[in-house]
C-alpha atoms as a PDB file:
ATOM      1  CA  UNK A   1      65.842  30.230 -36.709  1.00  0.00           C
ATOM      2  CA  UNK A   2      62.155  28.880 -36.073  1.00  0.00           C
ATOM      3  CA  UNK A   3      60.100  28.889 -32.818  1.00  0.00           C
ATOM      4  CA  UNK A   4      60.264  26.058 -30.647  1.00  0.00           C
ATOM      5  CA  UNK A   5      55.874  25.930 -30.634  1.00  0.00           C
ATOM      6  CA  UNK A   6      53.930  23.879 -32.668  1.00  0.00           C
ATOM      7  CA  UNK A   7      53.156  26.645 -35.890  1.00  0.00           C
ATOM      8  CA  UNK A   8      49.761  25.788 -36.917  1.00  0.00           C
ATOM      9  CA  UNK A   9      49.489  29.445 -36.512  1.00  0.00           C
ATOM     10  CA  UNK A  10      50.424  29.685 -40.560  1.00  0.00           C
ATOM     11  CA  UNK A  11      47.101  27.799 -41.742  1.00  0.00           C
ATOM     12  CA  UNK A  12      43.778  28.722 -43.755  1.00  0.00           C
ATOM     13  CA  UNK A  13      40.677  27.448 -41.438  1.00  0.00           C
ATOM     14  CA  UNK A  14      37.802  27.144 -42.301  1.00  0.00           C
ATOM     15  CA  UNK A  15      34.541  24.745 -42.659  1.00  0.00           C
ATOM     16  CA  UNK A  16      34.485  21.358 -45.446  1.00  0.00           C
ATOM     17  CA  UNK A  17      31.366  18.914 -45.399  1.00  0.00           C
ATOM     18  CA  UNK A  18      32.139  15.185 -45.448  1.00  0.00           C
ATOM     19  CA  UNK A  19      31.878  13.896 -49.110  1.00  0.00           C
ATOM     20  CA  UNK A  20      33.364  10.312 -48.598  1.00  0.00           C
ATOM     21  CA  UNK A  21      35.209   8.115 -46.941  1.00  0.00           C
ATOM     22  CA  UNK A  22      38.683   6.618 -48.012  1.00  0.00           C
ATOM     23  CA  UNK A  23      39.741   5.051 -46.096  1.00  0.00           C
ATOM     24  CA  UNK A  24      39.850   4.707 -41.808  1.00  0.00           C
ATOM     25  CA  UNK A  25      41.961   8.226 -41.085  1.00  0.00           C
ATOM     26  CA  UNK A  26      41.521   9.428 -44.860  1.00  0.00           C
ATOM     27  CA  UNK A  27      38.878  11.663 -46.212  1.00  0.00           C
ATOM     28  CA  UNK A  28      37.406  13.193 -48.960  1.00  0.00           C
ATOM     29  CA  UNK A  29      35.735  16.756 -47.580  1.00  0.00           C
ATOM     30  CA  UNK A  30      34.464  19.529 -49.723  1.00  0.00           C
ATOM     31  CA  UNK A  31      35.006  22.921 -48.744  1.00  0.00           C
ATOM     32  CA  UNK A  32      32.339  25.873 -49.031  1.00  0.00           C
ATOM     33  CA  UNK A  33      33.531  26.884 -52.540  1.00  0.00           C
ATOM     34  CA  UNK A  34      33.122  22.868 -53.462  1.00  0.00           C
ATOM     35  CA  UNK A  35      36.225  22.771 -54.512  1.00  0.00           C
ATOM     36  CA  UNK A  36      37.495  18.471 -52.961  1.00  0.00           C
ATOM     37  CA  UNK A  37      40.672  18.300 -50.474  1.00  0.00           C
ATOM     38  CA  UNK A  38      42.432  15.204 -48.787  1.00  0.00           C
ATOM     39  CA  UNK A  39      41.439  15.827 -45.494  1.00  0.00           C
ATOM     40  CA  UNK A  40      42.960  13.422 -42.194  1.00  0.00           C
ATOM     41  CA  UNK A  41      42.479  13.203 -39.128  1.00  0.00           C
ATOM     42  CA  UNK A  42      44.913  15.612 -36.247  1.00  0.00           C
ATOM     43  CA  UNK A  43      46.278  13.540 -33.614  1.00  0.00           C
ATOM     44  CA  UNK A  44      43.869  14.418 -31.081  1.00  0.00           C
ATOM     45  CA  UNK A  45      40.470  12.870 -33.017  1.00  0.00           C
ATOM     46  CA  UNK A  46      42.999  10.008 -33.755  1.00  0.00           C
ATOM     47  CA  UNK A  47      43.922   8.680 -31.032  1.00  0.00           C
ATOM     48  CA  UNK A  48      39.351   8.465 -29.971  1.00  0.00           C
ATOM     49  CA  UNK A  49      37.970   8.645 -34.094  1.00  0.00           C
ATOM     50  CA  UNK A  50      34.777  10.044 -34.519  1.00  0.00           C
ATOM     51  CA  UNK A  51      31.884   8.740 -36.716  1.00  0.00           C
ATOM     52  CA  UNK A  52      32.350  10.492 -39.989  1.00  0.00           C
ATOM     53  CA  UNK A  53      28.790   9.952 -41.921  1.00  0.00           C
ATOM     54  CA  UNK A  54      28.802  11.802 -45.354  1.00  0.00           C
ATOM     55  CA  UNK A  55      27.522  15.008 -44.732  1.00  0.00           C
ATOM     56  CA  UNK A  56      29.231  15.528 -41.927  1.00  0.00           C
ATOM     57  CA  UNK A  57      29.801  19.389 -41.467  1.00  0.00           C
ATOM     58  CA  UNK A  58      34.047  19.609 -39.727  1.00  0.00           C
ATOM     59  CA  UNK A  59      36.445  22.484 -38.691  1.00  0.00           C
ATOM     60  CA  UNK A  60      39.831  22.091 -41.550  1.00  0.00           C
ATOM     61  CA  UNK A  61      43.515  23.502 -41.285  1.00  0.00           C
ATOM     62  CA  UNK A  62      44.823  23.686 -44.229  1.00  0.00           C
ATOM     63  CA  UNK A  63      48.412  24.697 -45.324  1.00  0.00           C
ATOM     64  CA  UNK A  64      48.924  27.813 -47.547  1.00  0.00           C
ATOM     65  CA  UNK A  65      51.870  25.623 -49.264  1.00  0.00           C
ATOM     66  CA  UNK A  66      49.251  22.547 -50.400  1.00  0.00           C
ATOM     67  CA  UNK A  67      45.926  23.224 -50.848  1.00  0.00           C
ATOM     68  CA  UNK A  68      45.350  19.760 -52.542  1.00  0.00           C
ATOM     69  CA  UNK A  69      44.853  18.434 -48.568  1.00  0.00           C
ATOM     70  CA  UNK A  70      44.143  19.345 -45.347  1.00  0.00           C
ATOM     71  CA  UNK A  71      43.775  18.276 -41.177  1.00  0.00           C
ATOM     72  CA  UNK A  72      40.378  17.488 -40.122  1.00  0.00           C
ATOM     73  CA  UNK A  73      40.443  19.780 -36.773  1.00  0.00           C
ATOM     74  CA  UNK A  74      37.479  19.597 -35.271  1.00  0.00           C
ATOM     75  CA  UNK A  75      33.545  17.714 -35.383  1.00  0.00           C
ATOM     76  CA  UNK A  76      31.083  20.517 -35.301  1.00  0.00           C
ATOM     77  CA  UNK A  77      28.225  19.342 -33.302  1.00  0.00           C
ATOM     78  CA  UNK A  78      25.218  18.075 -35.285  1.00  0.00           C
ATOM     79  CA  UNK A  79      22.074  20.543 -35.036  1.00  0.00           C
ATOM     80  CA  UNK A  80      19.266  18.562 -32.590  1.00  0.00           C
ATOM     81  CA  UNK A  81      15.811  17.862 -34.847  1.00  0.00           C
ATOM     82  CA  UNK A  82      12.955  20.550 -34.256  1.00  0.00           C
ATOM     83  CA  UNK A  83       9.772  19.088 -33.249  1.00  0.00           C
ATOM     84  CA  UNK A  84       7.764  19.995 -34.827  1.00  0.00           C
ATOM     85  CA  UNK A  85       4.177  21.098 -32.142  1.00  0.00           C
END
């Protein structure tokens, strides 16, 4: 029998880089090995969608059953530019 809690522990977690926006909630994301996947926003992010420009680094959750689609779980904070003195 299946447990009643969310089954998010059996996914592959990795970082990815947004390549392009397909629609309001679909993105083409490059994995660290260069493979492109289709990423969609998680429910938590879909409530208040962030601005995801090309090149934004995101954390992905990928099902081991479908390695061509991913859930965008969170957005990595962009590095703050260092001022040259």
